[in-house]
Amino acid sequence: MEVLKFAFAVFLSFLPGFLGVMVAPMSEGENFWYSNLLASDLTPAAWVFSVAWTILYFLIGVALYLVMRNQRVVSKAKVVTAYMWFTINIIFNVLWSFTFFGMHSPEYALAVLFTLIIIALFMARAFMRVNNTAGWLIVPYALWLMFAFYLNAMIIYLN
């Protein structure tokens, strides 16, 4: 049963990636608009994004699993709050892909990304209140989002 719970948590954490692929380019050559944008010199190669997101989604999945296991005795309200922030995170993560790649709007995407950073921080705090390790597993994701904010802002600035 725990294996199924773990697999379900990881599956849920990868949902934004699965849904985001529908509106995001798979490679630079598949999206003329994106590949013609000027970007920061710090923009990683395309494969780095794939590796980074795979690791981050997996960490989020492990964190969600730890919340689902709920080893510490905590109130049901804290667990529900953690699930709420996780759900809002999924929605805004997909929304960023849609606004940036689907709508070709780095400006709106930057606003979504700013909101997503705040959501990730609240999610980390909510997870930490259920399971300390779960909260810390969200920190790399929040840091990556901050880097993504910089990259998104540079695209706006340079274009």
Protein backbone atom coordinates (compact mmCIF):
# COMPACT_ATOMS: atom_id res chain seq x y z
CA MET A 1 0.00 0.00 0.00
CA GLU A 2 2.84 2.42 0.81
CA VAL A 3 4.36 1.81 -2.63
CA LEU A 4 1.07 2.78 -4.27
CA LYS A 5 0.80 5.86 -2.07
CA PHE A 6 4.35 6.85 -3.02
CA ALA A 7 3.69 6.26 -6.75
CA PHE A 8 0.49 8.32 -6.54
CA ALA A 9 2.30 11.20 -4.81
CA VAL A 10 5.06 11.21 -7.43
CA PHE A 11 2.49 11.01 -10.25
CA LEU A 12 0.64 14.02 -8.84
CA SER A 13 3.86 15.98 -8.51
CA PHE A 14 4.65 15.40 -12.20
CA LEU A 15 1.21 16.62 -13.36
CA PRO A 16 2.38 20.19 -14.07
CA GLY A 17 5.15 18.79 -16.26
CA PHE A 18 2.78 16.49 -18.15
CA LEU A 19 0.23 19.25 -18.66
CA GLY A 20 2.87 21.90 -19.37
CA VAL A 21 4.31 19.83 -22.22
CA MET A 22 1.05 20.40 -24.09
CA VAL A 23 1.86 24.11 -24.44
CA ALA A 24 5.66 24.16 -24.04
CA PRO A 25 8.25 23.36 -26.70
CA MET A 26 9.98 19.99 -26.49
CA SER A 27 13.14 21.45 -28.00
CA GLU A 28 14.27 24.85 -29.20
CA GLY A 29 13.64 23.94 -32.85
CA GLU A 30 10.01 23.03 -32.23
CA ASN A 31 8.98 26.50 -31.11
CA PHE A 32 10.03 29.26 -33.47
CA TRP A 33 8.83 32.00 -31.13
CA TYR A 34 10.84 30.83 -28.13
CA SER A 35 14.01 30.01 -30.03
CA ASN A 36 14.08 33.55 -31.46
CA LEU A 37 13.90 35.29 -28.10
CA LEU A 38 17.03 36.90 -26.69
CA ALA A 39 17.86 35.32 -23.34
CA SER A 40 20.27 35.76 -20.47
CA ASP A 41 23.79 34.40 -20.84
CA LEU A 42 22.96 32.35 -17.74
CA THR A 43 20.18 30.46 -19.53
CA PRO A 44 21.05 26.77 -19.32
CA ALA A 45 20.96 24.39 -22.27
CA ALA A 46 17.54 22.87 -22.99
CA TRP A 47 18.52 19.48 -21.54
CA VAL A 48 19.33 21.10 -18.18
CA PHE A 49 15.71 22.19 -17.81
CA SER A 50 14.51 18.63 -18.40
CA VAL A 51 16.91 17.20 -15.83
CA ALA A 52 16.23 19.94 -13.29
CA TRP A 53 12.46 19.65 -13.56
CA THR A 54 12.58 15.86 -13.32
CA ILE A 55 14.58 16.10 -10.09
CA LEU A 56 12.39 18.88 -8.69
CA TYR A 57 9.11 17.12 -9.49
CA PHE A 58 10.47 13.96 -7.88
CA LEU A 59 11.47 15.87 -4.73
CA ILE A 60 8.01 17.43 -4.59
CA GLY A 61 6.52 13.94 -4.96
CA VAL A 62 8.62 12.62 -2.08
CA ALA A 63 7.56 15.63 0.00
CA LEU A 64 3.90 15.02 -0.81
CA TYR A 65 4.31 11.35 0.12
CA LEU A 66 5.77 12.36 3.49
CA VAL A 67 2.77 14.61 4.06
CA MET A 68 0.44 11.77 3.05
CA ARG A 69 2.18 9.42 5.51
CA ASN A 70 1.81 12.06 8.20
CA GLN A 71 4.21 10.41 10.66
CA ARG A 72 3.87 13.16 13.23
CA VAL A 73 0.66 13.67 15.08
CA VAL A 74 -0.73 16.84 13.52
CA SER A 75 -4.15 18.33 13.10
CA LYS A 76 -6.22 17.45 10.08
CA ALA A 77 -6.37 21.18 9.26
CA LYS A 78 -2.58 21.28 8.78
CA VAL A 79 -2.70 18.35 6.38
CA VAL A 80 -5.60 19.88 4.44
CA THR A 81 -3.69 23.18 4.25
CA ALA A 82 -0.65 21.36 2.84
CA TYR A 83 -2.82 19.67 0.20
CA MET A 84 -4.44 23.00 -0.65
CA TRP A 85 -1.06 24.68 -1.29
CA PHE A 86 0.08 21.68 -3.32
CA THR A 87 -3.04 21.92 -5.51
CA ILE A 88 -2.69 25.67 -5.99
CA ASN A 89 0.96 25.08 -6.89
CA ILE A 90 -0.01 22.62 -9.62
CA ILE A 91 -2.50 25.09 -11.09
CA PHE A 92 -0.02 27.99 -11.18
CA ASN A 93 2.82 25.82 -12.47
CA VAL A 94 0.68 24.84 -15.48
CA LEU A 95 -0.55 28.43 -15.81
CA TRP A 96 3.03 29.65 -16.19
CA SER A 97 3.65 27.26 -19.09
CA PHE A 98 0.40 28.35 -20.70
CA THR A 99 1.05 32.10 -20.33
CA PHE A 100 4.69 31.94 -21.39
CA PHE A 101 4.66 29.33 -24.16
CA GLY A 102 0.98 29.14 -25.04
CA MET A 103 0.14 32.84 -25.02
CA HIS A 104 3.72 34.00 -25.82
CA SER A 105 3.43 36.46 -22.96
CA PRO A 106 6.58 36.66 -20.84
CA GLU A 107 5.05 39.65 -19.01
CA TYR A 108 2.00 37.74 -17.75
CA ALA A 109 4.20 34.71 -17.14
CA LEU A 110 6.45 36.79 -14.90
CA ALA A 111 3.46 37.78 -12.77
CA VAL A 112 2.38 34.14 -12.59
CA LEU A 113 5.93 33.13 -11.67
CA PHE A 114 6.10 35.72 -8.89
CA THR A 115 2.86 34.30 -7.50
CA LEU A 116 4.20 30.76 -7.91
CA ILE A 117 7.27 31.62 -5.83
CA ILE A 118 5.01 32.86 -3.02
CA ILE A 119 2.88 29.73 -3.34
CA ALA A 120 5.97 27.49 -3.18
CA LEU A 121 7.11 29.22 0.00
CA PHE A 122 3.68 28.81 1.58
CA MET A 123 3.64 25.19 0.41
CA ALA A 124 7.05 24.57 2.01
CA ARG A 125 5.83 26.07 5.27
CA ALA A 126 2.59 24.07 5.20
CA PHE A 127 4.46 20.84 4.42
CA MET A 128 6.94 21.58 7.21
CA ARG A 129 4.09 21.85 9.70
CA VAL A 130 3.13 18.27 8.83
CA ASN A 131 6.60 16.80 8.24
CA ASN A 132 9.78 18.83 8.60
CA THR A 133 11.65 16.93 5.90
CA ALA A 134 8.77 17.41 3.46
CA GLY A 135 9.02 21.16 3.87
CA TRP A 136 12.77 21.20 3.25
CA LEU A 137 12.32 19.12 0.09
CA ILE A 138 10.34 22.03 -1.40
CA VAL A 139 13.19 24.53 -0.89
CA PRO A 140 15.17 23.53 -4.06
CA TYR A 141 11.97 24.02 -6.06
CA ALA A 142 11.46 27.51 -4.61
CA LEU A 143 15.08 28.39 -5.40
CA TRP A 144 14.73 27.12 -8.98
CA LEU A 145 11.59 29.23 -9.37
CA MET A 146 13.59 32.28 -8.27
CA PHE A 147 16.18 31.49 -10.93
CA ALA A 148 13.36 31.03 -13.46
CA PHE A 149 12.02 34.44 -12.42
CA TYR A 150 15.38 35.98 -13.28
CA LEU A 151 15.47 34.18 -16.66
CA ASN A 152 11.89 35.24 -17.44
CA ALA A 153 12.62 38.85 -16.44
CA MET A 154 15.73 38.91 -18.63
CA ILE A 155 13.69 37.74 -21.61
CA ILE A 156 11.35 40.69 -21.07
CA TYR A 157 14.27 43.09 -20.66
CA LEU A 158 16.20 41.85 -23.71
CA ASN A 159 13.24 41.67 -26.03
